[in-house]
């Protein structure tokens, strides 16, 4: 008989209990005075608060990240791993602290499992600067990010680094880095918003043009792309980093704008004819445009949709919002860039955006606009 699975706890709560009841006492005893930070940040649905009981089937469970100075990580990281393997409890609130690799090569995720021996745990000591560089391509403990650093950091990565929970930060370096990355500086925010409006302007007329030539499927596909861009724009307007596709809808649902916008966005997605699709999109365009005006970043722009150069379909002409935002830029480097945006406004590969090679991200960023 398979034992009953323990009651689900949000992963961040499980990580907090792991730290307070199991990891901290070991560190206090074996490494008194060692400066470190303990947190659950980075990859994982629990970091963004989207984990459910389903999450427990892979790479979820009692997990913790320990952040150390470079010399301390080199000197003590391995010893901490070995010590915790021997001294951690076998389970926390019924959830095993031991993880086994999957036997299936097509399923590389680790799974919780009972053990009688040492615990193959998921408490990882990191060199904090090296971890940040690996995750985002920049060590935000050392300095404020520059413009080029921001352009190369995916918004999913920024959400994961600044989300989650910090349970202890003796040195304060992790807290400093998270504060520096918490939101785009004003000039970057203006640029990213301009680029997001520009994305919409590039395709908003295609919904009607596809329908006009009898391409109902193409019209629906373009509408879906525009809905995604409006959701991402709404997150940016409320100072949130849009996560990658799996959690975009969940993150959007938490916005102040979500209740009013969702019916129009769903209407655009579910419409079976072009007139209804157009009505829903135009309602969404106008609502987001009004929110853009409310930021006060530029003089207000008329949010009403209008015809596309005399053709028989309505659009926002979203470039009307992109241009004044771009004109408001005072940073000379940003003023000289095309409106292509940060890396995940022009790159869509999950492998790139979720990968752990920060240098690859920097190289990708450098490939656009002479960065």
Protein backbone atom coordinates (compact mmCIF):
# COMPACT_ATOMS: atom_id res chain seq x y z
CA UNK A 1 0.00 0.00 0.00
CA UNK A 2 1.43 3.39 -1.01
CA UNK A 3 1.74 5.71 2.00
CA UNK A 4 -0.46 8.79 1.91
CA UNK A 5 1.22 11.95 0.69
CA UNK A 6 1.58 14.58 3.43
CA UNK A 7 -0.57 17.67 3.37
CA UNK A 8 0.61 20.21 0.81
CA UNK A 9 2.49 23.23 2.10
CA UNK A 10 3.54 26.13 -0.12
CA UNK A 11 7.17 25.53 -1.00
CA UNK A 12 8.37 28.79 0.52
CA UNK A 13 6.84 27.81 3.86
CA UNK A 14 8.48 24.39 3.62
CA UNK A 15 11.84 26.05 2.91
CA UNK A 16 11.40 28.37 5.88
CA UNK A 17 10.72 25.44 8.21
CA UNK A 18 13.70 23.55 6.78
CA UNK A 19 15.96 26.50 7.52
CA UNK A 20 14.66 27.39 10.96
CA UNK A 21 14.27 23.88 12.36
CA UNK A 22 17.03 21.95 10.63
CA UNK A 23 19.67 23.97 8.78
CA UNK A 24 20.22 26.93 11.07
CA UNK A 25 20.88 24.81 14.18
CA UNK A 26 23.52 22.81 12.29
CA UNK A 27 25.23 25.93 10.98
CA UNK A 28 25.14 27.63 14.38
CA UNK A 29 26.75 24.57 15.94
CA UNK A 30 29.37 23.69 13.33
CA UNK A 31 30.13 27.11 11.79
CA UNK A 32 29.48 29.70 14.51
CA UNK A 33 29.88 33.24 13.23
CA UNK A 34 29.90 32.24 9.56
CA UNK A 35 28.31 35.10 7.57
CA UNK A 36 25.70 33.83 5.12
CA UNK A 37 22.28 34.42 3.67
CA UNK A 38 19.58 31.74 3.56
CA UNK A 39 16.83 32.04 0.97
CA UNK A 40 14.64 30.26 -1.54
CA UNK A 41 15.04 32.19 -4.78
CA UNK A 42 15.86 31.38 -8.40
CA UNK A 43 14.21 28.59 -10.42
CA UNK A 44 11.07 26.90 -9.13
CA UNK A 45 7.34 27.55 -9.20
CA UNK A 46 7.30 28.11 -5.44
CA UNK A 47 9.58 31.14 -5.80
CA UNK A 48 6.84 33.01 -7.66
CA UNK A 49 4.14 31.57 -5.41
CA UNK A 50 2.55 29.42 -8.11
CA UNK A 51 3.25 25.94 -6.74
CA UNK A 52 0.44 23.49 -6.07
CA UNK A 53 0.25 19.86 -4.99
CA UNK A 54 1.14 18.94 -8.58
CA UNK A 55 4.53 20.61 -8.11
CA UNK A 56 5.60 17.91 -5.67
CA UNK A 57 6.20 15.43 -8.49
CA UNK A 58 9.57 16.95 -9.50
CA UNK A 59 12.22 19.39 -8.28
CA UNK A 60 10.02 20.57 -5.42
CA UNK A 61 10.32 19.94 -1.71
CA UNK A 62 12.44 21.05 1.26
CA UNK A 63 14.96 23.21 -0.61
CA UNK A 64 17.22 26.06 0.46
CA UNK A 65 19.95 28.26 -0.99
CA UNK A 66 22.84 29.43 1.16
CA UNK A 67 24.81 32.43 -0.12
CA UNK A 68 28.39 32.90 1.04
CA UNK A 69 31.29 35.18 0.25
CA UNK A 70 33.62 33.67 -2.40
CA UNK A 71 36.34 32.60 0.06
CA UNK A 72 33.81 31.11 2.47
CA UNK A 73 32.04 29.23 -0.32
CA UNK A 74 35.35 27.74 -1.47
CA UNK A 75 36.48 26.89 2.06
CA UNK A 76 33.23 25.63 3.58
CA UNK A 77 30.73 24.85 0.83
CA UNK A 78 31.66 21.19 0.47
CA UNK A 79 31.85 20.66 4.22
CA UNK A 80 28.40 22.19 4.70
CA UNK A 81 26.94 19.87 2.06
CA UNK A 82 28.49 16.78 3.71
CA UNK A 83 27.54 17.81 7.23
CA UNK A 84 23.91 18.41 6.28
CA UNK A 85 23.81 15.05 4.48
CA UNK A 86 24.52 13.41 7.84
CA UNK A 87 22.59 15.67 10.19
CA UNK A 88 19.45 16.78 8.41
CA UNK A 89 16.24 15.04 9.47
CA UNK A 90 14.92 12.52 6.96
CA UNK A 91 11.77 14.58 6.46
CA UNK A 92 10.23 17.96 7.15
CA UNK A 93 6.48 18.02 7.85
CA UNK A 94 6.25 14.62 6.23
CA UNK A 95 8.15 15.61 3.06
CA UNK A 96 11.46 13.76 2.50
CA UNK A 97 14.64 15.82 2.53
CA UNK A 98 16.33 13.17 0.37
CA UNK A 99 16.14 13.50 -3.42
CA UNK A 100 16.89 10.75 -5.91
CA UNK A 101 17.61 11.23 -9.60
CA UNK A 102 15.00 9.91 -11.99
CA UNK A 103 15.70 6.58 -13.66
CA UNK A 104 14.10 7.79 -16.87
CA UNK A 105 16.60 9.74 -19.03
CA UNK A 106 13.68 11.71 -20.44
CA UNK A 107 12.76 12.84 -16.92
CA UNK A 108 15.92 14.36 -15.43
CA UNK A 109 14.19 16.06 -12.51
CA UNK A 110 14.96 15.01 -8.96
CA UNK A 111 12.25 13.39 -6.86
CA UNK A 112 11.80 13.19 -3.10
CA UNK A 113 12.31 9.72 -1.67
CA UNK A 114 12.78 8.02 1.69
CA UNK A 115 16.29 6.92 2.65
CA UNK A 116 18.00 5.13 5.51
CA UNK A 117 21.42 6.57 4.71
CA UNK A 118 22.85 10.05 4.23
CA UNK A 119 20.45 12.57 2.78
CA UNK A 120 21.03 13.72 -0.80
CA UNK A 121 19.51 17.06 0.07
CA UNK A 122 18.73 20.23 -1.82
CA UNK A 123 20.51 22.73 0.40
CA UNK A 124 23.07 24.38 -1.85
CA UNK A 125 25.86 26.70 -0.69
CA UNK A 126 26.70 29.27 -3.37
CA UNK A 127 29.30 31.92 -3.98
CA UNK A 128 26.78 34.74 -4.13
CA UNK A 129 28.51 36.75 -6.86
CA UNK A 130 29.09 33.68 -9.02
CA UNK A 131 25.47 32.58 -8.59
CA UNK A 132 24.11 35.95 -9.67
CA UNK A 133 26.46 36.05 -12.65
CA UNK A 134 25.39 32.56 -13.66
CA UNK A 135 21.69 33.32 -13.30
CA UNK A 136 21.52 36.80 -14.80
CA UNK A 137 24.92 37.61 -16.26
CA UNK A 138 25.69 40.29 -13.66
CA UNK A 139 26.84 40.38 -10.03
CA UNK A 140 24.48 42.88 -8.43
CA UNK A 141 26.29 42.63 -5.08
CA UNK A 142 29.25 44.50 -6.56
CA UNK A 143 27.54 47.46 -8.19
CA UNK A 144 24.33 48.84 -9.62
CA UNK A 145 23.57 47.24 -13.01
CA UNK A 146 24.43 49.34 -16.05
CA UNK A 147 22.18 49.81 -19.05
CA UNK A 148 23.79 46.91 -20.95
CA UNK A 149 23.37 44.64 -17.92
CA UNK A 150 19.65 45.40 -17.72
CA UNK A 151 19.15 44.82 -21.44
CA UNK A 152 20.63 41.31 -21.21
CA UNK A 153 18.70 40.14 -18.11
CA UNK A 154 15.51 38.20 -18.89
CA UNK A 155 12.47 39.35 -16.99
CA UNK A 156 11.77 35.78 -15.86
CA UNK A 157 15.22 35.69 -14.24
CA UNK A 158 14.66 39.05 -12.58
CA UNK A 159 11.31 37.86 -11.23
CA UNK A 160 12.95 34.73 -9.82
CA UNK A 161 15.90 36.56 -8.23
CA UNK A 162 13.76 39.25 -6.62
CA UNK A 163 10.87 36.91 -5.73
CA UNK A 164 10.84 34.06 -3.25
CA UNK A 165 11.86 34.65 0.36
CA UNK A 166 14.98 35.50 2.33
CA UNK A 167 15.03 33.91 5.78
CA UNK A 168 18.36 35.30 6.99
CA UNK A 169 20.93 37.69 5.55
CA UNK A 170 23.82 38.31 7.88
CA UNK A 171 26.11 40.11 5.42
CA UNK A 172 23.24 41.96 3.71
CA UNK A 173 24.71 41.35 0.23
CA UNK A 174 21.74 39.33 -1.03
CA UNK A 175 19.32 41.97 0.20
CA UNK A 176 21.37 44.66 -1.54
CA UNK A 177 21.39 42.73 -4.82
CA UNK A 178 17.64 42.09 -4.69
CA UNK A 179 16.97 45.77 -3.99
CA UNK A 180 19.09 46.79 -6.97
CA UNK A 181 17.20 44.41 -9.25
CA UNK A 182 13.72 44.90 -7.79
CA UNK A 183 12.42 47.05 -10.64
CA UNK A 184 13.63 48.82 -13.73
CA UNK A 185 15.18 52.25 -13.18
CA UNK A 186 13.08 55.05 -14.66
CA UNK A 187 14.95 55.27 -17.97
CA UNK A 188 14.88 51.50 -18.52
CA UNK A 189 11.21 51.38 -17.58
CA UNK A 190 10.37 54.03 -20.17
CA UNK A 191 12.41 52.20 -22.80
CA UNK A 192 10.88 48.79 -22.06
CA UNK A 193 7.35 50.24 -22.13
CA UNK A 194 8.08 51.95 -25.45
CA UNK A 195 9.35 48.67 -26.88
CA UNK A 196 6.29 46.79 -25.67
CA UNK A 197 3.95 49.30 -27.31
CA UNK A 198 6.05 49.04 -30.45
CA UNK A 199 5.56 45.26 -30.51
CA UNK A 200 1.81 45.77 -30.45
CA UNK A 201 1.94 48.38 -33.19
CA UNK A 202 3.77 45.98 -35.48
CA UNK A 203 1.00 43.36 -35.52
CA UNK A 204 -2.28 44.97 -34.47
CA UNK A 205 -3.40 45.49 -38.08
CA UNK A 206 -2.71 41.86 -39.00
CA UNK A 207 -5.81 40.62 -37.15
CA UNK A 208 -8.05 42.42 -39.60
CA UNK A 209 -5.90 41.82 -42.65
CA UNK A 210 -5.83 38.05 -42.06
CA UNK A 211 -9.60 38.00 -41.61
CA UNK A 212 -10.06 40.07 -44.76
CA UNK A 213 -8.39 37.39 -46.91
CA UNK A 214 -10.33 34.58 -45.24
CA UNK A 215 -7.54 33.44 -42.93
CA UNK A 216 -9.58 32.92 -39.77
CA UNK A 217 -6.87 30.83 -38.11
CA UNK A 218 -4.17 33.39 -38.85
CA UNK A 219 -6.35 36.18 -37.46
CA UNK A 220 -6.88 34.21 -34.23
CA UNK A 221 -3.15 33.45 -33.90
CA UNK A 222 -2.20 37.11 -34.27
CA UNK A 223 -4.89 38.07 -31.75
CA UNK A 224 -3.42 35.59 -29.27
CA UNK A 225 0.03 37.13 -29.72
CA UNK A 226 -1.43 40.58 -29.09
CA UNK A 227 -3.23 39.36 -25.97
CA UNK A 228 0.07 38.04 -24.65
CA UNK A 229 1.77 41.37 -25.37
CA UNK A 230 -1.02 43.28 -23.63
CA UNK A 231 -0.69 41.02 -20.59
CA UNK A 232 3.05 41.60 -20.47
CA UNK A 233 2.54 45.33 -20.92
CA UNK A 234 0.05 45.36 -18.05
CA UNK A 235 2.58 43.70 -15.78
CA UNK A 236 5.25 46.21 -16.76
CA UNK A 237 2.89 49.12 -16.12
CA UNK A 238 2.37 47.88 -12.56
CA UNK A 239 6.11 47.50 -11.99
CA UNK A 240 6.15 43.69 -12.29
CA UNK A 241 8.52 41.55 -14.32
CA UNK A 242 6.52 39.35 -16.72
CA UNK A 243 7.39 35.67 -16.17
CA UNK A 244 7.76 33.19 -18.97
CA UNK A 245 4.77 31.51 -20.60
CA UNK A 246 3.87 28.93 -17.95
CA UNK A 247 3.16 31.56 -15.31
CA UNK A 248 2.18 34.59 -17.40
CA UNK A 249 -1.55 34.13 -16.86
CA UNK A 250 -1.12 33.42 -13.16
CA UNK A 251 0.98 36.55 -12.68
CA UNK A 252 -1.43 38.66 -14.73
CA UNK A 253 -4.37 37.48 -12.60
CA UNK A 254 -2.78 39.15 -9.56
CA UNK A 255 -2.67 42.61 -11.15
CA UNK A 256 -4.96 45.48 -10.24
CA UNK A 257 -5.89 45.66 -13.92
CA UNK A 258 -6.78 41.98 -14.25
CA UNK A 259 -10.43 42.07 -13.21
CA UNK A 260 -11.35 44.76 -15.73
CA UNK A 261 -9.11 43.50 -18.54
CA UNK A 262 -9.65 39.75 -18.41
CA UNK A 263 -13.12 39.69 -20.06
CA UNK A 264 -11.83 41.60 -23.10
CA UNK A 265 -8.69 39.50 -23.40
CA UNK A 266 -10.65 36.27 -23.12
CA UNK A 267 -13.16 37.63 -25.61
CA UNK A 268 -10.40 38.22 -28.14
CA UNK A 269 -9.10 34.70 -27.59
CA UNK A 270 -12.44 32.92 -27.82
CA UNK A 271 -14.14 34.95 -30.55
CA UNK A 272 -15.13 32.86 -33.56
CA UNK A 273 -15.61 35.79 -35.94
CA UNK A 274 -13.54 38.84 -36.73
CA UNK A 275 -16.00 41.58 -35.64
CA UNK A 276 -16.20 40.16 -32.10
CA UNK A 277 -12.42 39.66 -32.01
CA UNK A 278 -11.89 43.27 -33.06
CA UNK A 279 -14.37 44.61 -30.47
CA UNK A 280 -12.66 42.71 -27.68
CA UNK A 281 -9.16 43.74 -28.71
CA UNK A 282 -10.16 47.39 -29.06
CA UNK A 283 -11.69 47.36 -25.57
CA UNK A 284 -8.44 45.91 -24.20
CA UNK A 285 -6.28 48.39 -26.14
CA UNK A 286 -8.22 51.33 -24.77
CA UNK A 287 -8.13 50.06 -21.17
CA UNK A 288 -4.35 49.52 -21.23
CA UNK A 289 -3.80 52.85 -22.98
CA UNK A 290 -5.72 54.63 -20.22
CA UNK A 291 -3.47 52.95 -17.66
CA UNK A 292 -0.41 54.06 -19.61
CA UNK A 293 -1.66 57.65 -19.53
CA UNK A 294 -2.23 57.36 -15.78
CA UNK A 295 1.51 56.78 -15.20
CA UNK A 296 2.21 60.41 -16.11
CA UNK A 297 5.39 59.40 -17.95
CA UNK A 298 4.32 61.40 -21.02
CA UNK A 299 1.55 63.77 -21.96
CA UNK A 300 -1.73 61.86 -22.37
CA UNK A 301 -2.37 60.20 -25.71
CA UNK A 302 -5.90 59.67 -27.04
CA UNK A 303 -6.69 56.05 -26.08
CA UNK A 304 -9.50 55.56 -28.60
CA UNK A 305 -8.98 53.03 -31.43
CA UNK A 306 -9.23 54.25 -34.99
CA UNK A 307 -9.13 52.89 -38.53
CA UNK A 308 -5.90 51.60 -39.98
CA UNK A 309 -4.99 54.10 -42.71
CA UNK A 310 -8.51 54.02 -44.13
CA UNK A 311 -8.75 50.23 -44.19
CA UNK A 312 -11.94 48.68 -42.75
CA UNK A 313 -10.52 47.52 -39.42
CA UNK A 314 -9.84 49.25 -36.13
CA UNK A 315 -6.51 49.42 -34.31
CA UNK A 316 -4.98 51.53 -31.56
CA UNK A 317 -1.97 52.68 -33.60
CA UNK A 318 0.14 51.72 -30.60
CA UNK A 319 3.17 53.52 -32.00
CA UNK A 320 1.43 56.68 -30.75
CA UNK A 321 2.34 55.51 -27.25
CA UNK A 322 5.78 54.17 -28.14
CA UNK A 323 7.02 57.41 -29.70
CA UNK A 324 6.51 59.82 -26.78
CA UNK A 325 7.97 57.29 -24.37
CA UNK A 326 11.04 56.97 -26.60
CA UNK A 327 11.23 60.75 -26.91
CA UNK A 328 11.22 61.06 -23.09
CA UNK A 329 14.48 59.12 -22.82
CA UNK A 330 17.44 61.17 -21.63
CA UNK A 331 19.98 58.34 -21.41
CA UNK A 332 22.12 58.78 -24.55
CA UNK A 333 22.71 55.05 -24.97
CA UNK A 334 19.03 54.16 -24.79
CA UNK A 335 18.12 57.05 -27.09
CA UNK A 336 20.39 55.54 -29.72
CA UNK A 337 18.88 52.06 -29.59
CA UNK A 338 16.12 50.71 -31.84
CA UNK A 339 12.89 49.85 -30.05
CA UNK A 340 13.73 46.15 -29.82
CA UNK A 341 13.84 46.02 -26.02
CA UNK A 342 15.40 43.81 -23.39
CA UNK A 343 16.34 40.26 -24.29
CA UNK A 344 12.94 38.64 -23.79
CA UNK A 345 11.12 41.28 -25.79
CA UNK A 346 12.88 40.03 -28.92
CA UNK A 347 13.97 36.49 -28.01
CA UNK A 348 11.39 33.82 -27.22
CA UNK A 349 13.36 30.62 -26.61
CA UNK A 350 12.69 29.09 -23.21
CA UNK A 351 16.15 27.49 -23.31
CA UNK A 352 17.70 30.95 -23.59
CA UNK A 353 15.48 32.66 -21.06
CA UNK A 354 15.54 29.86 -18.47
CA UNK A 355 19.12 28.70 -19.06
CA UNK A 356 21.86 29.15 -16.51
CA UNK A 357 24.50 30.64 -18.81
CA UNK A 358 24.61 34.34 -18.01
CA UNK A 359 27.39 34.93 -20.49
CA UNK A 360 25.22 33.56 -23.29
CA UNK A 361 22.56 36.09 -22.32
CA UNK A 362 25.07 38.92 -22.43
CA UNK A 363 26.27 37.76 -25.85
CA UNK A 364 22.68 37.59 -27.07
CA UNK A 365 22.04 41.10 -25.82
CA UNK A 366 25.16 42.37 -27.57
CA UNK A 367 23.89 40.99 -30.85
CA UNK A 368 21.05 43.51 -31.04
CA UNK A 369 21.57 47.23 -31.50
CA UNK A 370 25.33 47.01 -31.17
CA UNK A 371 25.09 46.23 -27.47
